[in-house]
C-alpha atoms as a PDB file:
ATOM      1  CA  MET A   1      52.583  37.283-108.183  1.00  0.00           C
ATOM      2  CA  PRO A   2      52.983  40.635-109.555  1.00  0.00           C
ATOM      3  CA  GLU A   3      50.636  42.832-109.971  1.00  0.00           C
ATOM      4  CA  ILE A   4      51.293  46.315-111.956  1.00  0.00           C
ATOM      5  CA  HIS A   5      48.860  49.231-112.057  1.00  0.00           C
ATOM      6  CA  VAL A   6      49.495  51.499-115.419  1.00  0.00           C
ATOM      7  CA  TYR A   7      48.230  55.177-115.126  1.00  0.00           C
ATOM      8  CA  LEU A   8      46.356  56.251-118.513  1.00  0.00           C
ATOM      9  CA  GLY A   9      44.663  59.265-120.040  1.00  0.00           C
ATOM     10  CA  ALA A  10      41.813  57.765-122.209  1.00  0.00           C
ATOM     11  CA  LEU A  11      44.581  58.374-125.155  1.00  0.00           C
ATOM     12  CA  PHE A  12      44.849  55.163-126.990  1.00  0.00           C
ATOM     13  CA  ASP A  13      43.119  52.408-128.605  1.00  0.00           C
ATOM     14  CA  ASN A  14      42.397  48.895-127.487  1.00  0.00           C
ATOM     15  CA  GLU A  15      45.343  47.682-129.279  1.00  0.00           C
ATOM     16  CA  GLN A  16      47.842  50.214-128.007  1.00  0.00           C
ATOM     17  CA  LYS A  17      47.156  49.150-124.886  1.00  0.00           C
ATOM     18  CA  LYS A  18      47.027  45.553-124.889  1.00  0.00           C
ATOM     19  CA  SER A  19      50.717  45.860-126.910  1.00  0.00           C
ATOM     20  CA  MET A  20      51.798  47.881-123.835  1.00  0.00           C
ATOM     21  CA  MET A  21      50.124  44.901-121.308  1.00  0.00           C
ATOM     22  CA  ARG A  22      52.393  42.616-123.375  1.00  0.00           C
ATOM     23  CA  GLU A  23      55.484  44.271-123.249  1.00  0.00           C
ATOM     24  CA  VAL A  24      55.111  45.014-119.631  1.00  0.00           C
ATOM     25  CA  SER A  25      54.205  41.673-118.968  1.00  0.00           C
ATOM     26  CA  ASN A  26      57.356  40.354-120.598  1.00  0.00           C
ATOM     27  CA  ALA A  27      58.956  42.996-118.959  1.00  0.00           C
ATOM     28  CA  VAL A  28      58.344  41.420-115.826  1.00  0.00           C
ATOM     29  CA  ILE A  29      58.932  37.726-116.550  1.00  0.00           C
ATOM     30  CA  ARG A  30      62.572  38.730-117.711  1.00  0.00           C
ATOM     31  CA  THR A  31      63.522  40.634-114.763  1.00  0.00           C
ATOM     32  CA  LEU A  32      61.766  39.054-112.216  1.00  0.00           C
ATOM     33  CA  ASP A  33      61.965  35.375-113.303  1.00  0.00           C
ATOM     34  CA  VAL A  34      58.599  34.586-113.227  1.00  0.00           C
ATOM     35  CA  LYS A  35      55.863  32.599-115.440  1.00  0.00           C
ATOM     36  CA  ILE A  36      53.510  34.321-117.605  1.00  0.00           C
ATOM     37  CA  GLU A  37      50.308  33.340-115.496  1.00  0.00           C
ATOM     38  CA  ASN A  38      51.403  34.913-112.459  1.00  0.00           C
ATOM     39  CA  VAL A  39      51.728  38.822-113.612  1.00  0.00           C
ATOM     40  CA  ILE A  40      49.051  40.619-113.020  1.00  0.00           C
ATOM     41  CA  VAL A  41      48.823  44.292-115.785  1.00  0.00           C
ATOM     42  CA  GLN A  42      45.663  46.665-114.722  1.00  0.00           C
ATOM     43  CA  ILE A  43      45.407  49.855-116.759  1.00  0.00           C
ATOM     44  CA  VAL A  44      44.016  52.743-114.571  1.00  0.00           C
ATOM     45  CA  GLU A  45      42.411  55.025-117.272  1.00  0.00           C
ATOM     46  CA  ALA A  46      41.358  58.487-116.504  1.00  0.00           C
ATOM     47  CA  SER A  47      39.340  60.915-118.781  1.00  0.00           C
ATOM     48  CA  LEU A  48      41.658  64.024-119.635  1.00  0.00           C
ATOM     49  CA  ASP A  49      38.658  66.013-117.989  1.00  0.00           C
ATOM     50  CA  ASP A  50      39.804  64.494-114.880  1.00  0.00           C
ATOM     51  CA  LYS A  51      43.625  65.419-114.781  1.00  0.00           C
ATOM     52  CA  MET A  52      45.956  68.609-113.818  1.00  0.00           C
ATOM     53  CA  LYS A  53      49.312  68.793-114.660  1.00  0.00           C
ATOM     54  CA  GLY A  54      51.359  71.937-113.403  1.00  0.00           C
ATOM     55  CA  GLY A  55      47.826  73.486-112.472  1.00  0.00           C
ATOM     56  CA  GLU A  56      46.258  73.183-115.640  1.00  0.00           C
ATOM     57  CA  SER A  57      43.695  70.811-117.088  1.00  0.00           C
ATOM     58  CA  SER A  58      44.859  68.194-119.422  1.00  0.00           C
ATOM     59  CA  GLY A  59      41.122  67.824-121.275  1.00  0.00           C
ATOM     60  CA  SER A  60      40.259  69.016-124.563  1.00  0.00           C
ATOM     61  CA  GLY A  61      41.655  72.577-124.226  1.00  0.00           C
ATOM     62  CA  ARG A  62      45.491  71.551-124.303  1.00  0.00           C
ATOM     63  CA  ARG A  63      44.269  69.156-127.171  1.00  0.00           C
ATOM     64  CA  GLY A  64      44.663  72.001-129.898  1.00  0.00           C
ATOM     65  CA  SER A  65      47.506  74.132-128.024  1.00  0.00           C
ATOM     66  CA  GLY A  66      50.269  72.320-129.568  1.00  0.00           C
ATOM     67  CA  ASN A  67      50.757  70.222-126.581  1.00  0.00           C
ATOM     68  CA  ASP A  68      51.010  66.730-126.548  1.00  0.00           C
ATOM     69  CA  ALA A  69      48.690  65.550-123.754  1.00  0.00           C
ATOM     70  CA  ARG A  70      50.397  62.336-123.581  1.00  0.00           C
ATOM     71  CA  ALA A  71      53.157  64.223-122.312  1.00  0.00           C
ATOM     72  CA  LEU A  72      51.390  63.780-118.842  1.00  0.00           C
END
């Protein structure tokens, strides 16, 4: 039973997350030749204030700086 964990910053709405999980599930079904009922996709979501990249916080201070926080 494949189980996939996706780590995301808290930037995406529920529809985006559902769409991503469907796409990941379809990729697993296609590449591993397993049934959909055996595929688990779980999102592990964290506030951007709880992330750091390159020694800098990814929180609200970077959102307005021109850096796209989605590049984490």
